[in-house]
Amino acid sequence: MTTIPLSRHQTGLTLVELVISMIIISVSMVALLNAFGISTAASVDPLLRTKSMKLAQIYLDEALSKYYDDNTPQGGLPAVPSPDCSALGADGQSRADYNDVDDFHNTDDSPPVKQDGPLSGYANYRVQVTVTCVGDQFGQPSNQIKKILVSVTPPRGQPLLFASFKGNY
């Protein structure tokens, strides 16, 4: 039987080396998991922005589909000679009865709703609409162009602003 001579130097790790390697691995794992957590939380932002854009589009489409003024005739022509920009806002009617752009002024919906009822999937969103006469900013009489500003506030987010213009024609 042959014997294998043992080396005087033993191989392996000491307790100190083992503890140091465990500390290094722990610190690197904490840093890695922290970075992963931050990237996961940030991945929700694009979804909230996309839903906010869709929600603003619903409100803008609805407002832009209405007449320019209470006195606008069927078909929109001829244009109202002197639209009134002093009394913006709903004329006492419900949302289903909005018939012109300025009826949307001072709309504040939380949760948001459509003209014909509630919107699903937007429970924690808030929509605010203001309508102002801004024709003078475009070289026209002030009452000839209305700006529709929609502010959408998603859950845990900053308000996002969306605007469109409607002319008296």
C-alpha atoms as a PDB file:
ATOM      1  CA  MET A   1       0.000   0.000   0.000  1.00  0.00           C
ATOM      2  CA  THR A   2       1.363   3.389  -0.963  1.00  0.00           C
ATOM      3  CA  THR A   3       1.068   6.363   1.266  1.00  0.00           C
ATOM      4  CA  ILE A   4       0.643   9.902   0.025  1.00  0.00           C
ATOM      5  CA  PRO A   5       2.809  12.309   1.922  1.00  0.00           C
ATOM      6  CA  LEU A   6       0.881  15.203   3.525  1.00  0.00           C
ATOM      7  CA  SER A   7       1.959  18.723   2.760  1.00  0.00           C
ATOM      8  CA  ARG A   8       3.043  20.894   5.631  1.00  0.00           C
ATOM      9  CA  HIS A   9       0.813  23.699   4.287  1.00  0.00           C
ATOM     10  CA  GLN A  10      -2.862  23.132   4.736  1.00  0.00           C
ATOM     11  CA  THR A  11      -5.320  24.605   2.269  1.00  0.00           C
ATOM     12  CA  GLY A  12      -8.648  26.236   3.182  1.00  0.00           C
ATOM     13  CA  LEU A  13     -10.024  29.398   4.710  1.00  0.00           C
ATOM     14  CA  THR A  14      -9.497  30.831   8.114  1.00  0.00           C
ATOM     15  CA  LEU A  15     -12.425  32.125  10.137  1.00  0.00           C
ATOM     16  CA  VAL A  16     -11.347  35.741   9.534  1.00  0.00           C
ATOM     17  CA  GLU A  17     -11.231  35.240   5.755  1.00  0.00           C
ATOM     18  CA  LEU A  18     -14.664  33.626   5.832  1.00  0.00           C
ATOM     19  CA  VAL A  19     -16.221  36.519   7.825  1.00  0.00           C
ATOM     20  CA  ILE A  20     -14.660  39.159   5.541  1.00  0.00           C
ATOM     21  CA  SER A  21     -15.921  37.424   2.399  1.00  0.00           C
ATOM     22  CA  MET A  22     -19.447  37.187   3.903  1.00  0.00           C
ATOM     23  CA  ILE A  23     -19.405  40.928   4.666  1.00  0.00           C
ATOM     24  CA  ILE A  24     -18.302  41.793   1.121  1.00  0.00           C
ATOM     25  CA  ILE A  25     -21.010  39.598  -0.406  1.00  0.00           C
ATOM     26  CA  SER A  26     -23.663  41.077   1.928  1.00  0.00           C
ATOM     27  CA  VAL A  27     -22.771  44.680   1.064  1.00  0.00           C
ATOM     28  CA  SER A  28     -22.791  43.962  -2.663  1.00  0.00           C
ATOM     29  CA  MET A  29     -26.178  42.180  -2.395  1.00  0.00           C
ATOM     30  CA  VAL A  30     -27.712  45.140  -0.523  1.00  0.00           C
ATOM     31  CA  ALA A  31     -26.476  47.551  -3.206  1.00  0.00           C
ATOM     32  CA  LEU A  32     -27.762  45.300  -5.996  1.00  0.00           C
ATOM     33  CA  LEU A  33     -31.202  44.828  -4.430  1.00  0.00           C
ATOM     34  CA  ASN A  34     -31.486  48.568  -3.728  1.00  0.00           C
ATOM     35  CA  ALA A  35     -30.778  49.389  -7.381  1.00  0.00           C
ATOM     36  CA  PHE A  36     -33.321  46.775  -8.459  1.00  0.00           C
ATOM     37  CA  GLY A  37     -35.950  48.269  -6.141  1.00  0.00           C
ATOM     38  CA  ILE A  38     -35.415  51.775  -7.521  1.00  0.00           C
ATOM     39  CA  SER A  39     -35.699  50.612 -11.126  1.00  0.00           C
ATOM     40  CA  THR A  40     -38.878  48.673 -10.316  1.00  0.00           C
ATOM     41  CA  ALA A  41     -40.498  51.717  -8.698  1.00  0.00           C
ATOM     42  CA  ALA A  42     -39.548  53.928 -11.649  1.00  0.00           C
ATOM     43  CA  SER A  43     -41.093  51.506 -14.121  1.00  0.00           C
ATOM     44  CA  VAL A  44     -44.582  52.510 -12.913  1.00  0.00           C
ATOM     45  CA  ASP A  45     -44.130  56.127 -14.121  1.00  0.00           C
ATOM     46  CA  PRO A  46     -44.553  55.379 -17.845  1.00  0.00           C
ATOM     47  CA  LEU A  47     -47.777  53.495 -17.142  1.00  0.00           C
ATOM     48  CA  LEU A  48     -49.191  56.404 -15.115  1.00  0.00           C
ATOM     49  CA  ARG A  49     -48.197  58.887 -17.818  1.00  0.00           C
ATOM     50  CA  THR A  50     -49.785  56.794 -20.551  1.00  0.00           C
ATOM     51  CA  LYS A  51     -53.032  56.452 -18.607  1.00  0.00           C
ATOM     52  CA  SER A  52     -52.956  60.209 -17.876  1.00  0.00           C
ATOM     53  CA  MET A  53     -52.549  60.995 -21.581  1.00  0.00           C
ATOM     54  CA  LYS A  54     -55.473  58.724 -22.472  1.00  0.00           C
ATOM     55  CA  LEU A  55     -57.610  60.350 -19.799  1.00  0.00           C
ATOM     56  CA  ALA A  56     -56.756  63.873 -20.977  1.00  0.00           C
ATOM     57  CA  GLN A  57     -57.551  62.832 -24.556  1.00  0.00           C
ATOM     58  CA  ILE A  58     -61.002  61.643 -23.471  1.00  0.00           C
ATOM     59  CA  TYR A  59     -61.760  65.029 -21.888  1.00  0.00           C
ATOM     60  CA  LEU A  60     -60.284  67.062 -24.756  1.00  0.00           C
ATOM     61  CA  ASP A  61     -62.130  65.024 -27.388  1.00  0.00           C
ATOM     62  CA  GLU A  62     -65.392  65.497 -25.535  1.00  0.00           C
ATOM     63  CA  ALA A  63     -64.882  69.258 -25.125  1.00  0.00           C
ATOM     64  CA  LEU A  64     -63.752  69.789 -28.720  1.00  0.00           C
ATOM     65  CA  SER A  65     -66.802  67.947 -30.039  1.00  0.00           C
ATOM     66  CA  LYS A  66     -69.072  70.642 -28.552  1.00  0.00           C
ATOM     67  CA  TYR A  67     -70.094  73.996 -30.038  1.00  0.00           C
ATOM     68  CA  TYR A  68     -67.871  77.028 -29.557  1.00  0.00           C
ATOM     69  CA  ASP A  69     -70.572  79.077 -27.793  1.00  0.00           C
ATOM     70  CA  ASP A  70     -74.172  78.756 -26.595  1.00  0.00           C
ATOM     71  CA  ASN A  71     -75.242  80.823 -29.598  1.00  0.00           C
ATOM     72  CA  THR A  72     -73.352  78.779 -32.215  1.00  0.00           C
ATOM     73  CA  PRO A  73     -75.863  77.533 -34.786  1.00  0.00           C
ATOM     74  CA  GLN A  74     -76.264  73.923 -35.872  1.00  0.00           C
ATOM     75  CA  GLY A  75     -73.258  73.000 -38.043  1.00  0.00           C
ATOM     76  CA  GLY A  76     -71.078  75.738 -36.521  1.00  0.00           C
ATOM     77  CA  LEU A  77     -71.575  78.325 -39.266  1.00  0.00           C
ATOM     78  CA  PRO A  78     -71.899  81.234 -39.428  1.00  0.00           C
ATOM     79  CA  ALA A  79     -69.553  82.074 -36.570  1.00  0.00           C
ATOM     80  CA  VAL A  80     -71.056  83.859 -33.578  1.00  0.00           C
ATOM     81  CA  PRO A  81     -70.246  87.573 -34.088  1.00  0.00           C
ATOM     82  CA  SER A  82     -69.636  88.390 -30.406  1.00  0.00           C
ATOM     83  CA  PRO A  83     -69.285  85.306 -28.209  1.00  0.00           C
ATOM     84  CA  ASP A  84     -69.496  85.965 -24.477  1.00  0.00           C
ATOM     85  CA  CYS A  85     -66.298  85.171 -22.570  1.00  0.00           C
ATOM     86  CA  SER A  86     -67.454  86.696 -19.304  1.00  0.00           C
ATOM     87  CA  ALA A  87     -69.691  83.808 -18.215  1.00  0.00           C
ATOM     88  CA  LEU A  88     -67.615  80.670 -18.709  1.00  0.00           C
ATOM     89  CA  GLY A  89     -68.828  77.521 -17.014  1.00  0.00           C
ATOM     90  CA  ALA A  90     -71.775  75.156 -16.985  1.00  0.00           C
ATOM     91  CA  ASP A  91     -75.104  76.888 -17.367  1.00  0.00           C
ATOM     92  CA  GLY A  92     -76.694  74.916 -14.562  1.00  0.00           C
ATOM     93  CA  GLN A  93     -76.896  71.761 -16.641  1.00  0.00           C
ATOM     94  CA  SER A  94     -75.505  68.337 -15.894  1.00  0.00           C
ATOM     95  CA  ARG A  95     -72.473  66.927 -17.656  1.00  0.00           C
ATOM     96  CA  ALA A  96     -74.661  64.968 -20.049  1.00  0.00           C
ATOM     97  CA  ASP A  97     -76.198  68.260 -21.214  1.00  0.00           C
ATOM     98  CA  TYR A  98     -72.959  70.170 -21.887  1.00  0.00           C
ATOM     99  CA  ASN A  99     -73.376  71.685 -25.340  1.00  0.00           C
ATOM    100  CA  ASP A 100     -70.492  74.132 -25.708  1.00  0.00           C
ATOM    101  CA  VAL A 101     -66.798  74.273 -24.832  1.00  0.00           C
ATOM    102  CA  ASP A 102     -67.043  76.700 -21.939  1.00  0.00           C
ATOM    103  CA  ASP A 103     -69.428  74.395 -20.037  1.00  0.00           C
ATOM    104  CA  PHE A 104     -66.300  72.414 -19.105  1.00  0.00           C
ATOM    105  CA  HIS A 105     -64.770  75.409 -17.261  1.00  0.00           C
ATOM    106  CA  ASN A 106     -64.074  74.592 -13.580  1.00  0.00           C
ATOM    107  CA  THR A 107     -64.724  70.870 -14.053  1.00  0.00           C
ATOM    108  CA  ASP A 108     -63.084  68.978 -11.193  1.00  0.00           C
ATOM    109  CA  ASP A 109     -63.628  65.210 -11.324  1.00  0.00           C
ATOM    110  CA  SER A 110     -62.146  62.724  -8.907  1.00  0.00           C
ATOM    111  CA  PRO A 111     -62.625  59.973  -9.992  1.00  0.00           C
ATOM    112  CA  PRO A 112     -62.934  61.012 -13.633  1.00  0.00           C
ATOM    113  CA  VAL A 113     -66.147  60.437 -15.567  1.00  0.00           C
ATOM    114  CA  LYS A 114     -67.244  60.471 -19.189  1.00  0.00           C
ATOM    115  CA  GLN A 115     -70.268  62.324 -20.455  1.00  0.00           C
ATOM    116  CA  ASP A 116     -72.315  59.137 -20.315  1.00  0.00           C
ATOM    117  CA  GLY A 117     -70.998  57.732 -17.026  1.00  0.00           C
ATOM    118  CA  PRO A 118     -68.021  56.548 -14.997  1.00  0.00           C
ATOM    119  CA  LEU A 119     -64.604  55.557 -16.327  1.00  0.00           C
ATOM    120  CA  SER A 120     -63.195  52.276 -15.048  1.00  0.00           C
ATOM    121  CA  GLY A 121     -59.544  51.956 -14.109  1.00  0.00           C
ATOM    122  CA  TYR A 122     -59.032  55.588 -13.044  1.00  0.00           C
ATOM    123  CA  ALA A 123     -60.221  55.482  -9.421  1.00  0.00           C
ATOM    124  CA  ASN A 124     -57.325  57.489  -7.942  1.00  0.00           C
ATOM    125  CA  TYR A 125     -56.976  60.053 -10.745  1.00  0.00           C
ATOM    126  CA  ARG A 126     -58.146  63.653 -10.654  1.00  0.00           C
ATOM    127  CA  VAL A 127     -59.054  65.755 -13.705  1.00  0.00           C
ATOM    128  CA  GLN A 128     -59.459  69.522 -13.656  1.00  0.00           C
ATOM    129  CA  VAL A 129     -60.487  71.573 -16.688  1.00  0.00           C
ATOM    130  CA  THR A 130     -60.268  75.321 -17.243  1.00  0.00           C
ATOM    131  CA  VAL A 131     -61.414  77.206 -20.313  1.00  0.00           C
ATOM    132  CA  THR A 132     -60.139  80.694 -21.103  1.00  0.00           C
ATOM    133  CA  CYS A 133     -60.496  83.110 -24.014  1.00  0.00           C
ATOM    134  CA  VAL A 134     -57.067  83.635 -25.582  1.00  0.00           C
ATOM    135  CA  GLY A 135     -57.682  85.044 -29.059  1.00  0.00           C
ATOM    136  CA  ASP A 136     -55.521  88.077 -28.324  1.00  0.00           C
ATOM    137  CA  GLN A 137     -52.490  85.774 -28.015  1.00  0.00           C
ATOM    138  CA  PHE A 138     -52.997  84.884 -31.681  1.00  0.00           C
ATOM    139  CA  GLY A 139     -53.701  88.357 -33.063  1.00  0.00           C
ATOM    140  CA  GLN A 140     -57.481  87.847 -32.935  1.00  0.00           C
ATOM    141  CA  PRO A 141     -60.144  89.381 -30.702  1.00  0.00           C
ATOM    142  CA  SER A 142     -59.933  87.706 -27.288  1.00  0.00           C
ATOM    143  CA  ASN A 143     -63.345  86.072 -27.560  1.00  0.00           C
ATOM    144  CA  GLN A 144     -62.610  84.292 -30.870  1.00  0.00           C
ATOM    145  CA  ILE A 145     -60.348  81.496 -29.549  1.00  0.00           C
ATOM    146  CA  LYS A 146     -60.789  79.408 -26.389  1.00  0.00           C
ATOM    147  CA  LYS A 147     -58.035  77.436 -24.676  1.00  0.00           C
ATOM    148  CA  ILE A 148     -59.040  74.193 -22.992  1.00  0.00           C
ATOM    149  CA  LEU A 149     -56.513  73.241 -20.302  1.00  0.00           C
ATOM    150  CA  VAL A 150     -56.831  69.765 -18.795  1.00  0.00           C
ATOM    151  CA  SER A 151     -54.819  68.914 -15.686  1.00  0.00           C
ATOM    152  CA  VAL A 152     -54.567  65.198 -14.871  1.00  0.00           C
ATOM    153  CA  THR A 153     -53.165  64.166 -11.496  1.00  0.00           C
ATOM    154  CA  PRO A 154     -52.274  60.454 -11.368  1.00  0.00           C
ATOM    155  CA  PRO A 155     -51.952  58.574  -8.070  1.00  0.00           C
ATOM    156  CA  ARG A 156     -48.728  59.564  -6.270  1.00  0.00           C
ATOM    157  CA  GLY A 157     -47.821  61.888  -9.092  1.00  0.00           C
ATOM    158  CA  GLN A 158     -47.475  65.467 -10.173  1.00  0.00           C
ATOM    159  CA  PRO A 159     -50.229  67.042 -12.290  1.00  0.00           C
ATOM    160  CA  LEU A 160     -49.718  66.712 -16.043  1.00  0.00           C
ATOM    161  CA  LEU A 161     -51.077  69.530 -18.220  1.00  0.00           C
ATOM    162  CA  PHE A 162     -52.643  69.111 -21.651  1.00  0.00           C
ATOM    163  CA  ALA A 163     -54.092  71.931 -23.768  1.00  0.00           C
ATOM    164  CA  SER A 164     -56.039  72.412 -26.946  1.00  0.00           C
ATOM    165  CA  PHE A 165     -57.657  75.373 -28.690  1.00  0.00           C
ATOM    166  CA  LYS A 166     -61.052  75.836 -30.301  1.00  0.00           C
ATOM    167  CA  GLY A 167     -61.797  78.665 -32.692  1.00  0.00           C
ATOM    168  CA  ASN A 168     -65.076  80.406 -33.394  1.00  0.00           C
ATOM    169  CA  TYR A 169     -65.852  79.046 -36.840  1.00  0.00           C
END
